[in-house]
Amino acid sequence: MFLGGGQMGAESTKEAHSHSVTALCDEGARLYASALSVGKIARSETANAPCLLEFALLHPDPDDPDWLRPVPPSAALTQRLHPIEREIRDRRRLSLELTDAFEPFMAISAQAPPTTHAITVLEGIERINASIELAMAECRYEVLTIQPGGGRSEDALNTAVERGRLLTQRGVAMRTLYQHTVRHSHGTLSYAERMASGNVQIRTLEELIERLMIFDNTVAFIPATDDRRIALELRHPGIVSYLVTVFEQFWRRAVPLQEQIPYDPTVEGVSGVRHSIAKLLVEGHVDEAIARRLGMNVRTCRSHIAKLGAALGSTSRAQLGYLIARSGILDQDS
């Protein structure tokens, strides 16, 4: 029992003085300095600083085992530096070997044409916005955007105004496509007025593809999921060029926001939006799909369907399709 307790006490003392030689404890430093001054030190005095023996700063006196002699600092330093210098030499040799091994590949890489990440998956709203902000900062002459759906939230429009002004102040032009439904959104109309002083053009179209942003015809962003929490950053010249062509085709068909939509209904009460709804109904689309494609909520869509039915004299949903075909309002699309 006594020996066991003594062993535990020794381990506790050792743990209490577990440290690096470069950070010698205060007690160890004091005793080592004392030993150097006197030339020796009693073994009993070092009981609370076992680190002195562990770091070979003291060694037994050959003439008297109760005393310890200090190792000269120069000798102790050399003994500690030797393995460190050897490790440094080994690592230098390894770095040279690695350099020699990769040198042939570096030569090949230097001759190859520069590459870029053609497609980058961006996960999370923060990362998506950070990438868009970077593209905006690098943009020099034009931004093309497609914003499907109806009126946008006040926060989204305020962000758009802030971003737009930063771009137009640098002389960057902006062209944006919305759906016709934003013509009834006071927020979007206010945004257009606030951006009127810059080189900003806005047009609308009945139907659009999903959201799209293109900067300087070199980098594009498109959503990868319905909730738009994952996006794709596209930098492949062929892909970006294709998306620019798609945008330009929509742009030519779109109507400037300041102009009236040029549509003369064939039947009284059938407006342009109801004409589009009629076409999608005949194609077999359900209310939710029609609303999504035309950028309106389902309730508004159903209200238009009801008014379309009233204009054509329909008493049922099944009869409405027949009356649409009979009325000839879709003949102009032929």
Protein backbone atom coordinates (compact mmCIF):
# COMPACT_ATOMS: atom_id res chain seq x y z
CA MET A 1 0.00 0.00 0.00
CA PHE A 2 2.78 2.40 0.91
CA LEU A 3 4.73 1.73 -2.27
CA GLY A 4 1.62 2.11 -4.37
CA GLY A 5 0.85 5.46 -2.81
CA GLY A 6 4.42 6.60 -3.33
CA GLN A 7 4.24 5.70 -6.99
CA MET A 8 1.02 7.67 -7.48
CA GLY A 9 2.62 10.68 -5.77
CA ALA A 10 5.58 10.52 -8.13
CA GLU A 11 3.27 10.38 -11.14
CA SER A 12 1.30 13.38 -9.86
CA THR A 13 4.50 15.39 -9.48
CA LYS A 14 5.61 14.38 -12.95
CA GLU A 15 2.26 15.38 -14.48
CA ALA A 16 2.41 18.73 -12.68
CA HIS A 17 5.77 19.47 -14.33
CA SER A 18 4.96 18.13 -17.79
CA HIS A 19 6.14 20.86 -20.14
CA SER A 20 8.50 21.61 -23.00
CA VAL A 21 12.18 22.33 -22.40
CA THR A 22 11.62 25.65 -24.20
CA ALA A 23 9.19 26.59 -21.42
CA LEU A 24 11.04 25.38 -18.32
CA CYS A 25 8.93 25.82 -15.17
CA ASP A 26 9.90 28.60 -12.74
CA GLU A 27 11.12 26.13 -10.12
CA GLY A 28 13.21 24.19 -12.62
CA ALA A 29 14.75 27.38 -14.02
CA ARG A 30 15.62 28.63 -10.52
CA LEU A 31 17.25 25.34 -9.47
CA TYR A 32 19.22 25.02 -12.74
CA ALA A 33 20.56 28.56 -12.36
CA SER A 34 21.50 27.81 -8.74
CA ALA A 35 23.29 24.59 -9.74
CA LEU A 36 25.24 26.45 -12.44
CA SER A 37 26.29 29.11 -9.91
CA VAL A 38 27.39 26.67 -7.18
CA GLY A 39 28.51 23.83 -9.44
CA LYS A 40 26.21 21.27 -7.87
CA ILE A 41 22.86 20.82 -6.14
CA ALA A 42 21.48 18.38 -3.63
CA ARG A 43 19.31 15.68 -5.21
CA SER A 44 16.64 16.24 -2.57
CA GLU A 45 16.16 19.84 -3.69
CA THR A 46 15.06 18.71 -7.17
CA ALA A 47 12.19 16.52 -5.98
CA ASN A 48 9.65 19.11 -7.08
CA ALA A 49 11.33 19.66 -10.47
CA PRO A 50 11.86 16.22 -12.08
CA CYS A 51 12.02 17.99 -15.44
CA LEU A 52 15.66 18.86 -14.77
CA LEU A 53 16.65 15.20 -14.98
CA GLU A 54 14.19 14.43 -17.80
CA PHE A 55 15.74 17.19 -19.95
CA ALA A 56 19.25 16.05 -18.97
CA LEU A 57 20.11 19.42 -17.44
CA LEU A 58 21.54 17.66 -14.37
CA HIS A 59 23.49 14.42 -14.02
CA PRO A 60 24.54 12.40 -10.93
CA ASP A 61 27.77 13.35 -9.19
CA PRO A 62 30.07 10.31 -9.66
CA ASP A 63 31.66 10.96 -6.25
CA ASP A 64 28.45 11.44 -4.25
CA PRO A 65 25.05 10.08 -5.37
CA ASP A 66 23.25 12.57 -3.09
CA TRP A 67 24.42 15.43 -5.28
CA LEU A 68 23.76 16.39 -8.91
CA ARG A 69 26.04 18.28 -11.28
CA PRO A 70 24.68 20.76 -13.87
CA VAL A 71 25.25 20.09 -17.56
CA PRO A 72 26.80 23.17 -19.24
CA PRO A 73 24.12 25.16 -21.12
CA SER A 74 26.08 24.94 -24.39
CA ALA A 75 26.17 21.15 -24.17
CA ALA A 76 22.46 20.95 -23.24
CA LEU A 77 21.56 23.25 -26.12
CA THR A 78 23.60 21.23 -28.63
CA GLN A 79 21.98 18.03 -27.43
CA ARG A 80 18.50 19.52 -27.95
CA LEU A 81 19.26 21.17 -31.29
CA HIS A 82 20.77 18.08 -32.91
CA PRO A 83 17.50 16.15 -33.54
CA ILE A 84 15.75 19.34 -34.65
CA GLU A 85 18.45 20.14 -37.19
CA ARG A 86 18.38 16.54 -38.39
CA GLU A 87 14.60 16.79 -38.91
CA ILE A 88 15.05 20.07 -40.81
CA ARG A 89 17.59 18.42 -43.11
CA ASP A 90 15.26 15.47 -43.70
CA ARG A 91 12.34 17.77 -44.56
CA ARG A 92 14.49 19.85 -46.91
CA ARG A 93 15.56 16.68 -48.67
CA LEU A 94 11.91 15.58 -48.92
CA SER A 95 10.88 18.96 -50.36
CA LEU A 96 13.56 18.67 -53.03
CA GLU A 97 12.43 15.15 -53.90
CA LEU A 98 8.81 16.33 -54.21
CA THR A 99 9.88 19.25 -56.40
CA ASP A 100 11.81 16.90 -58.70
CA ALA A 101 8.84 14.51 -58.87
CA PHE A 102 6.34 17.23 -59.88
CA GLU A 103 8.62 19.22 -62.17
CA PRO A 104 7.66 17.30 -65.37
CA PHE A 105 3.96 17.87 -64.68
CA MET A 106 4.51 21.57 -63.99
CA ALA A 107 6.09 21.91 -67.43
CA ILE A 108 3.06 20.26 -69.07
CA SER A 109 0.66 22.48 -67.12
CA ALA A 110 2.52 25.64 -68.16
CA GLN A 111 2.05 24.78 -71.86
CA ALA A 112 -1.66 23.88 -71.51
CA PRO A 113 -4.36 26.52 -72.17
CA PRO A 114 -5.89 28.10 -69.06
CA THR A 115 -8.98 26.37 -67.70
CA THR A 116 -11.95 27.63 -65.72
CA HIS A 117 -14.65 25.90 -63.72
CA ALA A 118 -17.34 25.48 -66.38
CA ILE A 119 -20.09 24.59 -63.88
CA THR A 120 -20.01 25.32 -60.15
CA VAL A 121 -22.76 24.13 -57.81
CA LEU A 122 -23.66 26.79 -55.25
CA GLU A 123 -25.49 25.51 -52.17
CA GLY A 124 -27.20 27.92 -49.78
CA ILE A 125 -28.57 31.44 -50.22
CA GLU A 126 -25.48 33.06 -48.67
CA ARG A 127 -23.06 31.36 -51.06
CA ILE A 128 -25.30 32.09 -54.05
CA ASN A 129 -25.52 35.78 -53.14
CA ALA A 130 -21.76 35.96 -52.52
CA SER A 131 -21.04 34.57 -56.00
CA ILE A 132 -23.52 36.97 -57.60
CA GLU A 133 -21.98 39.91 -55.71
CA LEU A 134 -18.54 38.90 -57.03
CA ALA A 135 -19.84 38.69 -60.60
CA MET A 136 -21.42 42.12 -60.19
CA ALA A 137 -18.16 43.58 -58.91
CA GLU A 138 -16.33 42.19 -61.95
CA CYS A 139 -19.05 43.24 -64.44
CA ARG A 140 -18.02 46.01 -66.83
CA TYR A 141 -20.66 46.59 -69.52
CA GLU A 142 -23.99 44.69 -69.32
CA VAL A 143 -26.26 42.59 -67.10
CA LEU A 144 -29.12 40.50 -68.51
CA THR A 145 -31.77 39.14 -66.14
CA ILE A 146 -34.99 37.17 -66.40
CA GLN A 147 -37.31 37.44 -63.38
CA PRO A 148 -40.37 35.21 -63.83
CA GLY A 149 -43.42 35.38 -61.59
CA GLY A 150 -45.51 38.28 -60.39
CA GLY A 151 -44.56 41.27 -58.27
CA ARG A 152 -41.52 40.81 -56.06
CA SER A 153 -41.31 41.50 -52.34
CA GLU A 154 -40.28 44.91 -51.01
CA ASP A 155 -37.01 43.50 -49.63
CA ALA A 156 -36.15 41.89 -52.97
CA LEU A 157 -36.89 45.12 -54.83
CA ASN A 158 -34.84 47.22 -52.40
CA THR A 159 -31.91 44.84 -52.87
CA ALA A 160 -32.38 45.07 -56.64
CA VAL A 161 -32.35 48.88 -56.49
CA GLU A 162 -29.16 48.91 -54.43
CA ARG A 163 -27.41 46.47 -56.74
CA GLY A 164 -28.68 48.23 -59.83
CA ARG A 165 -27.43 51.65 -58.75
CA LEU A 166 -23.98 50.27 -57.98
CA LEU A 167 -23.85 48.88 -61.51
CA THR A 168 -25.28 51.86 -63.38
CA GLN A 169 -22.98 54.26 -61.55
CA ARG A 170 -20.09 52.37 -63.16
CA GLY A 171 -21.72 52.71 -66.59
CA VAL A 172 -23.03 49.13 -66.70
CA ALA A 173 -26.23 48.67 -68.74
CA MET A 174 -29.08 46.48 -67.49
CA ARG A 175 -31.84 44.69 -69.37
CA THR A 176 -34.53 42.85 -67.41
CA LEU A 177 -37.45 40.68 -68.49
CA TYR A 178 -40.54 40.34 -66.31
CA GLN A 179 -43.93 38.76 -66.98
CA HIS A 180 -46.94 40.90 -67.92
CA THR A 181 -48.43 40.41 -64.45
CA VAL A 182 -45.88 42.83 -62.91
CA ARG A 183 -47.65 45.64 -64.76
CA HIS A 184 -50.18 45.47 -61.92
CA SER A 185 -47.48 45.47 -59.20
CA HIS A 186 -46.99 48.89 -57.62
CA GLY A 187 -43.66 47.76 -56.15
CA THR A 188 -42.24 46.79 -59.54
CA LEU A 189 -43.51 49.97 -61.18
CA SER A 190 -41.90 51.99 -58.37
CA TYR A 191 -38.64 50.09 -58.90
CA ALA A 192 -38.75 50.96 -62.61
CA GLU A 193 -39.22 54.65 -61.78
CA ARG A 194 -36.32 54.62 -59.30
CA MET A 195 -34.03 53.02 -61.89
CA ALA A 196 -35.16 55.23 -64.79
CA SER A 197 -32.15 57.55 -64.43
CA GLY A 198 -29.71 54.74 -65.25
CA ASN A 199 -29.16 52.75 -68.42
CA VAL A 200 -31.89 50.29 -67.46
CA GLN A 201 -34.44 48.73 -69.81
CA ILE A 202 -37.41 46.64 -68.66
CA ARG A 203 -39.71 44.61 -70.86
CA THR A 204 -42.49 42.13 -70.14
CA LEU A 205 -43.74 38.95 -71.75
CA GLU A 206 -46.65 36.64 -71.04
CA GLU A 207 -44.49 33.60 -70.32
CA LEU A 208 -40.81 33.25 -69.40
CA ILE A 209 -38.32 30.56 -68.54
CA GLU A 210 -36.91 30.20 -65.02
CA ARG A 211 -34.76 32.88 -63.40
CA LEU A 212 -31.56 33.79 -65.23
CA MET A 213 -28.72 36.27 -64.66
CA ILE A 214 -25.90 36.89 -67.14
CA PHE A 215 -22.93 39.20 -66.56
CA ASP A 216 -20.87 40.50 -69.50
CA ASN A 217 -21.81 37.40 -71.53
CA THR A 218 -19.18 35.47 -69.55
CA VAL A 219 -20.87 34.11 -66.43
CA ALA A 220 -24.49 33.07 -65.86
CA PHE A 221 -26.53 31.95 -62.86
CA ILE A 222 -29.58 29.67 -63.00
CA PRO A 223 -31.52 27.91 -60.20
CA ALA A 224 -30.94 24.18 -59.77
CA THR A 225 -33.91 23.48 -57.46
CA ASP A 226 -37.48 24.75 -57.24
CA ASP A 227 -36.81 26.48 -53.89
CA ARG A 228 -33.79 28.26 -55.46
CA ARG A 229 -31.54 27.29 -52.56
CA ILE A 230 -29.14 25.59 -54.97
CA ALA A 231 -27.90 27.39 -58.06
CA LEU A 232 -25.45 26.77 -60.88
CA GLU A 233 -22.69 29.21 -61.79
CA LEU A 234 -21.95 28.71 -65.49
CA ARG A 235 -18.75 29.91 -67.11
CA HIS A 236 -18.44 27.64 -70.14
CA PRO A 237 -18.44 30.00 -73.18
CA GLY A 238 -20.74 27.70 -75.19
CA ILE A 239 -23.35 27.44 -72.44
CA VAL A 240 -23.32 31.15 -71.65
CA SER A 241 -23.56 32.03 -75.36
CA TYR A 242 -26.58 29.74 -75.70
CA LEU A 243 -28.32 31.42 -72.73
CA VAL A 244 -27.60 34.86 -74.18
CA THR A 245 -29.28 33.76 -77.44
CA VAL A 246 -32.32 32.55 -75.49
CA PHE A 247 -32.52 35.88 -73.66
CA GLU A 248 -32.29 37.86 -76.90
CA GLN A 249 -35.13 35.85 -78.46
CA PHE A 250 -37.37 36.58 -75.50
CA TRP A 251 -36.26 40.23 -75.53
CA ARG A 252 -37.30 40.75 -79.17
CA ARG A 253 -40.79 39.40 -78.44
CA ALA A 254 -41.22 41.35 -75.18
CA VAL A 255 -43.00 44.69 -74.75
CA PRO A 256 -41.33 47.69 -73.06
CA LEU A 257 -42.86 48.33 -69.65
CA GLN A 258 -43.81 51.90 -70.62
CA GLU A 259 -45.87 50.70 -73.62
CA GLN A 260 -49.29 49.09 -73.75
CA ILE A 261 -49.48 45.42 -74.64
CA PRO A 262 -50.46 45.31 -78.34
CA TYR A 263 -53.39 42.92 -78.24
CA ASP A 264 -56.86 43.29 -79.77
CA PRO A 265 -59.16 40.63 -78.34
CA THR A 266 -61.45 38.83 -80.77
CA VAL A 267 -64.18 38.44 -78.17
CA GLU A 268 -65.31 41.17 -75.78
CA GLY A 269 -64.05 40.46 -72.26
CA VAL A 270 -61.10 38.28 -73.38
CA SER A 271 -57.99 40.25 -72.42
CA GLY A 272 -54.44 39.36 -73.27
CA VAL A 273 -53.85 37.39 -70.09
CA ARG A 274 -57.13 35.51 -70.49
CA HIS A 275 -56.16 34.72 -74.06
CA SER A 276 -53.00 33.09 -72.71
CA ILE A 277 -55.02 31.24 -70.08
CA ALA A 278 -57.40 30.00 -72.77
CA LYS A 279 -54.50 28.65 -74.79
CA LEU A 280 -53.04 26.80 -71.79
CA LEU A 281 -56.47 25.41 -70.84
CA VAL A 282 -56.90 23.95 -74.30
CA GLU A 283 -53.43 22.41 -74.01
CA GLY A 284 -54.63 20.60 -70.89
CA HIS A 285 -52.77 22.45 -68.13
CA VAL A 286 -54.27 22.56 -64.62
CA ASP A 287 -54.87 25.82 -62.73
CA GLU A 288 -51.66 25.56 -60.66
CA ALA A 289 -49.49 25.04 -63.73
CA ILE A 290 -51.15 27.92 -65.59
CA ALA A 291 -50.67 30.26 -62.63
CA ARG A 292 -47.00 29.31 -62.32
CA ARG A 293 -46.31 29.82 -66.01
CA LEU A 294 -48.06 33.19 -66.13
CA GLY A 295 -46.55 34.49 -62.90
CA MET A 296 -49.71 34.85 -60.82
CA ASN A 297 -51.21 33.14 -57.80
CA VAL A 298 -53.77 30.38 -58.23
CA ARG A 299 -56.67 32.47 -56.89
CA THR A 300 -56.06 35.18 -59.50
CA CYS A 301 -55.75 32.54 -62.20
CA ARG A 302 -59.10 30.98 -61.26
CA SER A 303 -60.70 34.42 -61.23
CA HIS A 304 -59.54 34.97 -64.81
CA ILE A 305 -60.85 31.53 -65.80
CA ALA A 306 -64.25 32.36 -64.31
CA LYS A 307 -64.38 35.68 -66.19
CA LEU A 308 -63.27 33.94 -69.39
CA GLY A 309 -66.10 31.47 -68.96
CA ALA A 310 -68.57 34.29 -68.40
CA ALA A 311 -67.36 36.12 -71.54
CA LEU A 312 -67.85 32.98 -73.64
CA GLY A 313 -71.13 31.98 -71.99
CA SER A 314 -69.75 28.78 -70.46
CA THR A 315 -71.71 27.07 -67.69
CA SER A 316 -69.07 24.41 -66.86
CA ARG A 317 -65.36 23.78 -67.05
CA ALA A 318 -65.88 21.01 -69.59
CA GLN A 319 -67.92 23.31 -71.83
CA LEU A 320 -65.31 26.07 -71.58
CA GLY A 321 -62.75 24.20 -73.66
CA TYR A 322 -65.29 23.62 -76.42
CA LEU A 323 -66.36 27.27 -76.44
CA ILE A 324 -62.73 28.47 -76.55
CA ALA A 325 -62.14 26.40 -79.68
CA ARG A 326 -65.43 27.50 -81.24
CA SER A 327 -64.87 31.21 -80.51
CA GLY A 328 -61.80 31.44 -82.69
CA ILE A 329 -59.83 33.47 -80.13
CA LEU A 330 -56.86 31.18 -80.61
CA ASP A 331 -56.92 31.33 -84.40
CA GLN A 332 -54.36 34.18 -84.41
CA ASP A 333 -51.82 31.74 -82.92
CA SER A 334 -52.15 29.41 -85.91
